[in-house]
């Protein structure tokens, strides 16, 4: 058995973070890692502190009303894993870092803005154990945001 790559190691940690999610619809975890390979922050998707979660309520409004993933964020009680990790780290700890995300294979428009503003330089995503790893540079995200009308 060989040594696990840094990419696999941090994606495994993001998967563990996802296990803390109190969201019924999706369990997503994120880890922010500095260039020195030191963890700056972790996050998972869930409701803000002291706000009743869909898990506690026993139902998800978005599932109940067939709201498509990636749309109508105002109907969700949760904060995204990426946002939680950035909030925990603060911009000074995010600058020049890498984010690893477990649980989905895309970054929503809201989180793209957070990522660019935070100073994170690249992102690796993995939807599940069978999915390929997707690499996204923040330069590509920035160009995409510039093309939004």
N, C-alpha and C. Protein backbone atom coordinates (compact mmCIF):
# COMPACT_ATOMS: atom_id res chain seq x y z
N UNK A 1 0.85 -1.19 0.00
CA UNK A 1 0.00 0.00 0.00
C UNK A 1 0.89 1.24 0.00
N UNK A 2 0.69 2.11 -0.97
CA UNK A 2 1.48 3.32 -1.09
C UNK A 2 0.95 4.45 -0.23
N UNK A 3 1.69 5.51 -0.23
CA UNK A 3 1.27 6.71 0.51
C UNK A 3 0.19 7.42 -0.29
N UNK A 4 -0.84 7.85 0.38
CA UNK A 4 -1.96 8.56 -0.24
C UNK A 4 -1.48 9.92 -0.74
N UNK A 5 -1.95 10.32 -1.92
CA UNK A 5 -1.59 11.64 -2.46
C UNK A 5 -2.23 12.73 -1.60
N UNK A 6 -1.67 13.93 -1.66
CA UNK A 6 -2.24 15.07 -0.93
C UNK A 6 -3.67 15.31 -1.39
N UNK A 7 -3.90 15.25 -2.70
CA UNK A 7 -5.24 15.48 -3.25
C UNK A 7 -6.24 14.50 -2.64
N UNK A 8 -5.91 13.21 -2.64
CA UNK A 8 -6.80 12.20 -2.07
C UNK A 8 -6.98 12.39 -0.57
N UNK A 9 -5.90 12.74 0.11
CA UNK A 9 -5.95 12.96 1.56
C UNK A 9 -6.93 14.09 1.90
N UNK A 10 -6.80 15.23 1.22
CA UNK A 10 -7.67 16.35 1.54
C UNK A 10 -9.10 16.13 1.08
N UNK A 11 -9.30 15.41 -0.02
CA UNK A 11 -10.66 15.05 -0.44
C UNK A 11 -11.30 14.10 0.57
N UNK A 12 -10.53 13.18 1.13
CA UNK A 12 -11.06 12.30 2.19
C UNK A 12 -11.47 13.11 3.42
N UNK A 13 -10.67 14.11 3.77
CA UNK A 13 -11.04 14.98 4.89
C UNK A 13 -12.33 15.75 4.59
N UNK A 14 -12.46 16.23 3.35
CA UNK A 14 -13.69 16.92 2.95
C UNK A 14 -14.89 15.98 3.04
N UNK A 15 -14.69 14.72 2.67
CA UNK A 15 -15.76 13.72 2.79
C UNK A 15 -16.17 13.56 4.25
N UNK A 16 -15.19 13.51 5.15
CA UNK A 16 -15.49 13.42 6.59
C UNK A 16 -16.26 14.65 7.05
N UNK A 17 -15.86 15.82 6.58
CA UNK A 17 -16.59 17.06 6.93
C UNK A 17 -18.04 16.97 6.48
N UNK A 18 -18.27 16.41 5.30
CA UNK A 18 -19.63 16.28 4.76
C UNK A 18 -20.52 15.46 5.69
N UNK A 19 -19.93 14.55 6.44
CA UNK A 19 -20.72 13.69 7.33
C UNK A 19 -21.35 14.48 8.49
N UNK A 20 -20.94 15.73 8.70
CA UNK A 20 -21.53 16.58 9.74
C UNK A 20 -22.73 17.39 9.23
N UNK A 21 -23.00 17.32 7.94
CA UNK A 21 -24.08 18.11 7.35
C UNK A 21 -25.43 17.75 7.96
N UNK A 22 -26.25 18.77 8.23
CA UNK A 22 -27.61 18.51 8.70
C UNK A 22 -28.63 18.79 7.60
N UNK A 23 -28.17 18.78 6.36
CA UNK A 23 -29.02 18.99 5.20
C UNK A 23 -29.56 17.63 4.72
N UNK A 24 -30.83 17.56 4.46
CA UNK A 24 -31.45 16.32 3.98
C UNK A 24 -31.09 16.07 2.53
N UNK A 25 -30.98 17.11 1.74
CA UNK A 25 -30.82 17.00 0.29
C UNK A 25 -29.42 16.63 -0.16
N UNK A 26 -28.39 17.18 0.47
CA UNK A 26 -27.02 16.94 0.03
C UNK A 26 -26.06 17.08 1.20
N UNK A 27 -25.07 16.24 1.24
CA UNK A 27 -24.04 16.33 2.26
C UNK A 27 -22.74 16.72 1.55
N UNK A 28 -22.29 17.94 1.83
CA UNK A 28 -21.11 18.49 1.17
C UNK A 28 -20.13 18.96 2.24
N UNK A 29 -18.85 18.68 2.00
CA UNK A 29 -17.80 19.13 2.91
C UNK A 29 -16.73 19.87 2.15
N UNK A 30 -16.02 20.76 2.82
CA UNK A 30 -14.96 21.55 2.19
C UNK A 30 -13.79 21.70 3.15
N UNK A 31 -12.59 21.70 2.59
CA UNK A 31 -11.37 21.90 3.36
C UNK A 31 -10.52 22.94 2.62
N UNK A 32 -10.05 23.96 3.34
CA UNK A 32 -9.16 24.96 2.78
C UNK A 32 -7.75 24.65 3.28
N UNK A 33 -6.81 24.54 2.33
CA UNK A 33 -5.46 24.12 2.64
C UNK A 33 -4.46 25.13 2.09
N UNK A 34 -3.54 25.56 2.91
CA UNK A 34 -2.52 26.51 2.49
C UNK A 34 -1.48 25.84 1.60
N UNK A 35 -0.67 26.66 0.95
CA UNK A 35 0.41 26.15 0.09
C UNK A 35 1.37 25.26 0.86
N UNK A 36 1.42 25.44 2.17
CA UNK A 36 2.29 24.63 3.04
C UNK A 36 1.65 23.30 3.44
N UNK A 37 0.48 23.00 2.87
CA UNK A 37 -0.28 21.76 3.15
C UNK A 37 -0.86 21.73 4.55
N UNK A 38 -1.00 22.88 5.17
CA UNK A 38 -1.63 22.98 6.48
C UNK A 38 -3.09 23.39 6.30
N UNK A 39 -3.96 22.74 7.06
CA UNK A 39 -5.40 23.01 6.98
C UNK A 39 -5.69 24.36 7.62
N UNK A 40 -6.37 25.22 6.86
CA UNK A 40 -6.74 26.55 7.34
C UNK A 40 -8.14 26.55 7.94
N UNK A 41 -9.05 25.76 7.36
CA UNK A 41 -10.42 25.69 7.86
C UNK A 41 -11.14 24.55 7.18
N UNK A 42 -12.25 24.15 7.81
CA UNK A 42 -13.14 23.16 7.22
C UNK A 42 -14.56 23.70 7.27
N UNK A 43 -15.43 23.10 6.49
CA UNK A 43 -16.83 23.50 6.52
C UNK A 43 -17.70 22.40 5.96
N UNK A 44 -18.97 22.48 6.28
CA UNK A 44 -19.97 21.56 5.72
C UNK A 44 -21.25 22.35 5.54
N UNK A 45 -22.15 21.84 4.69
CA UNK A 45 -23.38 22.57 4.47
C UNK A 45 -24.35 22.28 5.61
N UNK A 46 -24.96 23.34 6.08
CA UNK A 46 -25.91 23.22 7.17
C UNK A 46 -26.45 24.57 7.56
N UNK A 47 -27.41 24.54 8.45
CA UNK A 47 -28.05 25.78 8.87
C UNK A 47 -27.11 26.59 9.77
N UNK A 48 -27.33 27.91 9.81
CA UNK A 48 -26.55 28.75 10.72
C UNK A 48 -26.79 28.31 12.18
N UNK A 49 -25.90 28.68 13.06
CA UNK A 49 -26.01 28.33 14.48
C UNK A 49 -27.37 28.73 15.03
N UNK A 50 -27.96 27.83 15.77
CA UNK A 50 -29.22 28.05 16.48
C UNK A 50 -30.42 28.26 15.54
N UNK A 51 -30.31 27.77 14.30
CA UNK A 51 -31.44 27.79 13.37
C UNK A 51 -31.84 26.34 13.13
N UNK A 52 -33.13 26.05 13.29
CA UNK A 52 -33.62 24.69 13.12
C UNK A 52 -33.35 24.19 11.69
N UNK A 53 -32.76 23.02 11.58
CA UNK A 53 -32.42 22.47 10.27
C UNK A 53 -33.59 21.69 9.69
N UNK A 54 -33.50 21.42 8.40
CA UNK A 54 -34.50 20.58 7.74
C UNK A 54 -34.48 19.18 8.35
N UNK A 55 -33.30 18.71 8.73
CA UNK A 55 -33.16 17.41 9.37
C UNK A 55 -33.98 17.37 10.66
N UNK A 56 -33.87 18.44 11.45
CA UNK A 56 -34.63 18.52 12.71
C UNK A 56 -36.13 18.66 12.43
N UNK A 57 -36.48 19.36 11.37
CA UNK A 57 -37.89 19.53 10.99
C UNK A 57 -38.48 18.27 10.38
N UNK A 58 -37.61 17.44 9.82
CA UNK A 58 -38.08 16.22 9.18
C UNK A 58 -38.48 16.37 7.73
N UNK A 59 -38.21 17.53 7.15
CA UNK A 59 -38.50 17.72 5.73
C UNK A 59 -37.68 18.87 5.17
N UNK A 60 -37.46 18.79 3.86
CA UNK A 60 -36.73 19.83 3.14
C UNK A 60 -37.72 20.55 2.22
N UNK A 61 -37.81 21.84 2.38
CA UNK A 61 -38.70 22.65 1.54
C UNK A 61 -38.37 22.48 0.06
N UNK A 62 -37.10 22.43 -0.26
CA UNK A 62 -36.68 22.34 -1.66
C UNK A 62 -37.06 21.00 -2.27
N UNK A 63 -36.94 19.93 -1.52
CA UNK A 63 -37.36 18.61 -2.01
C UNK A 63 -38.88 18.59 -2.14
N UNK A 64 -39.56 19.06 -1.13
CA UNK A 64 -41.03 19.05 -1.09
C UNK A 64 -41.62 19.81 -2.29
N UNK A 65 -40.94 20.87 -2.73
CA UNK A 65 -41.46 21.70 -3.82
C UNK A 65 -40.70 21.50 -5.14
N UNK A 66 -39.94 20.40 -5.23
CA UNK A 66 -39.21 20.04 -6.47
C UNK A 66 -38.39 21.21 -7.04
N UNK A 67 -37.64 21.86 -6.19
CA UNK A 67 -36.80 22.97 -6.63
C UNK A 67 -35.48 22.41 -7.14
N UNK A 68 -35.16 22.73 -8.36
CA UNK A 68 -33.97 22.21 -9.02
C UNK A 68 -32.69 22.67 -8.31
N UNK A 69 -31.75 21.75 -8.20
CA UNK A 69 -30.45 22.07 -7.61
C UNK A 69 -29.80 23.20 -8.39
N UNK A 70 -29.14 24.12 -7.68
CA UNK A 70 -28.47 25.23 -8.33
C UNK A 70 -29.37 26.42 -8.62
N UNK A 71 -30.61 26.37 -8.14
CA UNK A 71 -31.55 27.48 -8.38
C UNK A 71 -32.21 27.90 -7.06
N UNK A 72 -32.77 29.08 -7.05
CA UNK A 72 -33.59 29.62 -5.96
C UNK A 72 -32.98 29.40 -4.57
N UNK A 73 -31.75 29.86 -4.41
CA UNK A 73 -31.03 29.68 -3.16
C UNK A 73 -31.75 30.30 -1.96
N UNK A 74 -32.57 31.29 -2.21
CA UNK A 74 -33.28 31.95 -1.12
C UNK A 74 -34.25 31.01 -0.40
N UNK A 75 -34.57 29.87 -0.99
CA UNK A 75 -35.49 28.92 -0.37
C UNK A 75 -34.79 27.90 0.52
N UNK A 76 -33.48 28.01 0.64
CA UNK A 76 -32.69 27.04 1.42
C UNK A 76 -32.30 27.63 2.76
N UNK A 77 -32.39 26.83 3.81
CA UNK A 77 -32.05 27.27 5.16
C UNK A 77 -30.55 27.16 5.44
N UNK A 78 -29.84 26.44 4.58
CA UNK A 78 -28.44 26.12 4.86
C UNK A 78 -27.45 27.11 4.25
N UNK A 79 -26.26 27.09 4.83
CA UNK A 79 -25.09 27.78 4.28
C UNK A 79 -24.27 26.71 3.59
N UNK A 80 -23.73 27.01 2.42
CA UNK A 80 -22.93 26.03 1.68
C UNK A 80 -21.62 25.74 2.39
N UNK A 81 -21.10 24.54 2.18
CA UNK A 81 -19.85 24.11 2.81
C UNK A 81 -18.71 25.06 2.47
N UNK A 82 -18.63 25.49 1.21
CA UNK A 82 -17.57 26.40 0.77
C UNK A 82 -17.64 27.71 1.55
N UNK A 83 -18.85 28.23 1.70
CA UNK A 83 -19.03 29.49 2.41
C UNK A 83 -18.67 29.34 3.89
N UNK A 84 -19.11 28.23 4.50
CA UNK A 84 -18.78 27.99 5.90
C UNK A 84 -17.27 27.93 6.12
N UNK A 85 -16.56 27.24 5.23
CA UNK A 85 -15.11 27.14 5.37
C UNK A 85 -14.44 28.50 5.23
N UNK A 86 -14.88 29.29 4.27
CA UNK A 86 -14.31 30.63 4.06
C UNK A 86 -14.59 31.53 5.26
N UNK A 87 -15.79 31.46 5.79
CA UNK A 87 -16.14 32.25 6.97
C UNK A 87 -15.24 31.86 8.14
N UNK A 88 -15.03 30.56 8.32
CA UNK A 88 -14.19 30.08 9.43
C UNK A 88 -12.74 30.54 9.27
N UNK A 89 -12.23 30.51 8.04
CA UNK A 89 -10.82 30.83 7.80
C UNK A 89 -10.56 32.33 7.81
N UNK A 90 -11.44 33.09 7.20
CA UNK A 90 -11.18 34.51 7.00
C UNK A 90 -10.27 34.70 5.79
N UNK A 91 -10.34 35.85 5.19
CA UNK A 91 -9.60 36.11 3.95
C UNK A 91 -8.10 35.98 4.13
N UNK A 92 -7.56 36.40 5.25
CA UNK A 92 -6.11 36.35 5.43
C UNK A 92 -5.58 34.92 5.41
N UNK A 93 -6.36 33.96 5.84
CA UNK A 93 -5.92 32.56 5.83
C UNK A 93 -6.25 31.86 4.51
N UNK A 94 -7.15 32.42 3.73
CA UNK A 94 -7.54 31.83 2.44
C UNK A 94 -6.57 32.20 1.32
N UNK A 95 -5.94 33.34 1.42
CA UNK A 95 -5.10 33.87 0.35
C UNK A 95 -4.08 32.83 -0.12
N UNK A 96 -4.14 32.50 -1.43
CA UNK A 96 -3.19 31.58 -2.04
C UNK A 96 -3.44 30.11 -1.73
N UNK A 97 -4.57 29.80 -1.12
CA UNK A 97 -4.83 28.42 -0.70
C UNK A 97 -5.59 27.62 -1.76
N UNK A 98 -5.80 26.37 -1.44
CA UNK A 98 -6.56 25.44 -2.30
C UNK A 98 -7.76 24.95 -1.51
N UNK A 99 -8.91 24.81 -2.19
CA UNK A 99 -10.10 24.28 -1.55
C UNK A 99 -10.41 22.91 -2.13
N UNK A 100 -10.73 21.97 -1.24
CA UNK A 100 -11.13 20.62 -1.63
C UNK A 100 -12.59 20.45 -1.22
N UNK A 101 -13.43 20.00 -2.16
CA UNK A 101 -14.86 19.88 -1.92
C UNK A 101 -15.31 18.46 -2.21
N UNK A 102 -16.02 17.87 -1.29
CA UNK A 102 -16.60 16.54 -1.45
C UNK A 102 -18.12 16.68 -1.46
N UNK A 103 -18.78 16.00 -2.38
CA UNK A 103 -20.24 15.92 -2.34
C UNK A 103 -20.94 16.50 -3.55
N UNK A 104 -20.23 17.24 -4.38
CA UNK A 104 -20.81 17.68 -5.65
C UNK A 104 -19.71 17.96 -6.66
N UNK A 105 -20.14 18.12 -7.92
CA UNK A 105 -19.15 18.28 -9.00
C UNK A 105 -19.25 19.63 -9.68
N UNK A 106 -19.86 20.60 -9.01
CA UNK A 106 -19.95 21.95 -9.55
C UNK A 106 -19.90 22.94 -8.40
N UNK A 107 -19.62 24.18 -8.73
CA UNK A 107 -19.60 25.25 -7.74
C UNK A 107 -20.71 26.22 -8.14
N UNK A 108 -21.61 26.51 -7.22
CA UNK A 108 -22.70 27.43 -7.55
C UNK A 108 -22.16 28.86 -7.72
N UNK A 109 -22.95 29.70 -8.33
CA UNK A 109 -22.55 31.07 -8.62
C UNK A 109 -22.26 31.85 -7.33
N UNK A 110 -23.01 31.59 -6.27
CA UNK A 110 -22.77 32.28 -5.00
C UNK A 110 -21.40 31.91 -4.43
N UNK A 111 -21.09 30.62 -4.43
CA UNK A 111 -19.81 30.17 -3.88
C UNK A 111 -18.65 30.58 -4.76
N UNK A 112 -18.87 30.68 -6.07
CA UNK A 112 -17.80 31.16 -6.96
C UNK A 112 -17.39 32.56 -6.55
N UNK A 113 -18.34 33.39 -6.21
CA UNK A 113 -18.03 34.76 -5.79
C UNK A 113 -17.25 34.76 -4.48
N UNK A 114 -17.66 33.93 -3.53
CA UNK A 114 -16.95 33.82 -2.26
C UNK A 114 -15.52 33.36 -2.49
N UNK A 115 -15.35 32.35 -3.33
CA UNK A 115 -14.03 31.78 -3.58
C UNK A 115 -13.10 32.82 -4.20
N UNK A 116 -13.58 33.52 -5.21
CA UNK A 116 -12.75 34.54 -5.86
C UNK A 116 -12.38 35.63 -4.86
N UNK A 117 -13.34 36.11 -4.11
CA UNK A 117 -13.08 37.20 -3.17
C UNK A 117 -12.15 36.80 -2.04
N UNK A 118 -12.18 35.52 -1.66
CA UNK A 118 -11.39 35.06 -0.52
C UNK A 118 -9.90 34.96 -0.81
N UNK A 119 -9.52 34.85 -2.10
CA UNK A 119 -8.12 34.69 -2.44
C UNK A 119 -7.70 33.25 -2.68
N UNK A 120 -8.63 32.32 -2.59
CA UNK A 120 -8.34 30.92 -2.91
C UNK A 120 -7.91 30.87 -4.37
N UNK A 121 -6.90 30.03 -4.70
CA UNK A 121 -6.37 30.01 -6.06
C UNK A 121 -6.84 28.85 -6.92
N UNK A 122 -7.25 27.72 -6.29
CA UNK A 122 -7.74 26.59 -7.07
C UNK A 122 -8.65 25.72 -6.21
N UNK A 123 -9.47 24.92 -6.91
CA UNK A 123 -10.47 24.09 -6.24
C UNK A 123 -10.44 22.70 -6.86
N UNK A 124 -10.56 21.69 -6.01
CA UNK A 124 -10.72 20.30 -6.45
C UNK A 124 -12.05 19.79 -5.92
N UNK A 125 -12.85 19.19 -6.79
CA UNK A 125 -14.16 18.68 -6.42
C UNK A 125 -14.26 17.19 -6.71
N UNK A 126 -15.02 16.50 -5.86
CA UNK A 126 -15.31 15.09 -6.11
C UNK A 126 -16.72 14.81 -5.62
N UNK A 127 -17.58 14.34 -6.52
CA UNK A 127 -18.99 14.11 -6.21
C UNK A 127 -19.18 12.94 -5.24
N UNK A 128 -18.51 11.82 -5.52
CA UNK A 128 -18.63 10.63 -4.69
C UNK A 128 -17.43 9.73 -4.94
N UNK A 129 -17.44 8.55 -4.34
CA UNK A 129 -16.28 7.66 -4.44
C UNK A 129 -15.97 7.23 -5.87
N UNK A 130 -16.97 7.14 -6.74
CA UNK A 130 -16.76 6.69 -8.12
C UNK A 130 -16.45 7.82 -9.10
N UNK A 131 -16.71 9.04 -8.70
CA UNK A 131 -16.57 10.18 -9.62
C UNK A 131 -15.11 10.59 -9.79
N UNK A 132 -14.79 11.16 -10.95
CA UNK A 132 -13.44 11.69 -11.14
C UNK A 132 -13.27 12.99 -10.36
N UNK A 133 -12.03 13.34 -10.09
CA UNK A 133 -11.72 14.62 -9.45
C UNK A 133 -11.75 15.69 -10.52
N UNK A 134 -12.40 16.80 -10.21
CA UNK A 134 -12.47 17.94 -11.13
C UNK A 134 -11.63 19.06 -10.56
N UNK A 135 -10.74 19.61 -11.38
CA UNK A 135 -9.90 20.73 -10.97
C UNK A 135 -10.43 22.00 -11.62
N UNK A 136 -10.56 23.06 -10.82
CA UNK A 136 -11.02 24.35 -11.33
C UNK A 136 -10.06 25.42 -10.84
N UNK A 137 -9.52 26.21 -11.77
CA UNK A 137 -8.66 27.32 -11.35
C UNK A 137 -9.53 28.54 -11.08
N UNK A 138 -9.09 29.35 -10.14
CA UNK A 138 -9.85 30.55 -9.82
C UNK A 138 -9.81 31.53 -11.00
N UNK A 139 -8.76 31.48 -11.81
CA UNK A 139 -8.73 32.32 -13.01
C UNK A 139 -9.90 31.98 -13.93
N UNK A 140 -10.20 30.69 -14.07
CA UNK A 140 -11.34 30.28 -14.90
C UNK A 140 -12.66 30.75 -14.30
N UNK A 141 -12.77 30.67 -12.97
CA UNK A 141 -13.98 31.16 -12.30
C UNK A 141 -14.12 32.67 -12.52
N UNK A 142 -13.02 33.39 -12.37
CA UNK A 142 -13.04 34.84 -12.55
C UNK A 142 -13.50 35.20 -13.97
N UNK A 143 -12.97 34.51 -14.98
CA UNK A 143 -13.38 34.77 -16.37
C UNK A 143 -14.86 34.48 -16.56
N UNK A 144 -15.33 33.40 -15.94
CA UNK A 144 -16.76 33.07 -16.04
C UNK A 144 -17.62 34.17 -15.40
N UNK A 145 -17.21 34.67 -14.25
CA UNK A 145 -17.97 35.73 -13.58
C UNK A 145 -17.97 37.02 -14.41
N UNK A 146 -16.88 37.29 -15.10
CA UNK A 146 -16.82 38.48 -15.95
C UNK A 146 -17.76 38.38 -17.13
N UNK A 147 -18.09 37.16 -17.56
CA UNK A 147 -18.98 36.99 -18.71
C UNK A 147 -20.46 36.98 -18.32
N UNK A 148 -20.76 36.97 -17.02
CA UNK A 148 -22.16 36.98 -16.56
C UNK A 148 -22.77 38.34 -16.88
N UNK A 149 -23.93 38.31 -17.47
CA UNK A 149 -24.62 39.56 -17.85
C UNK A 149 -25.42 40.11 -16.72
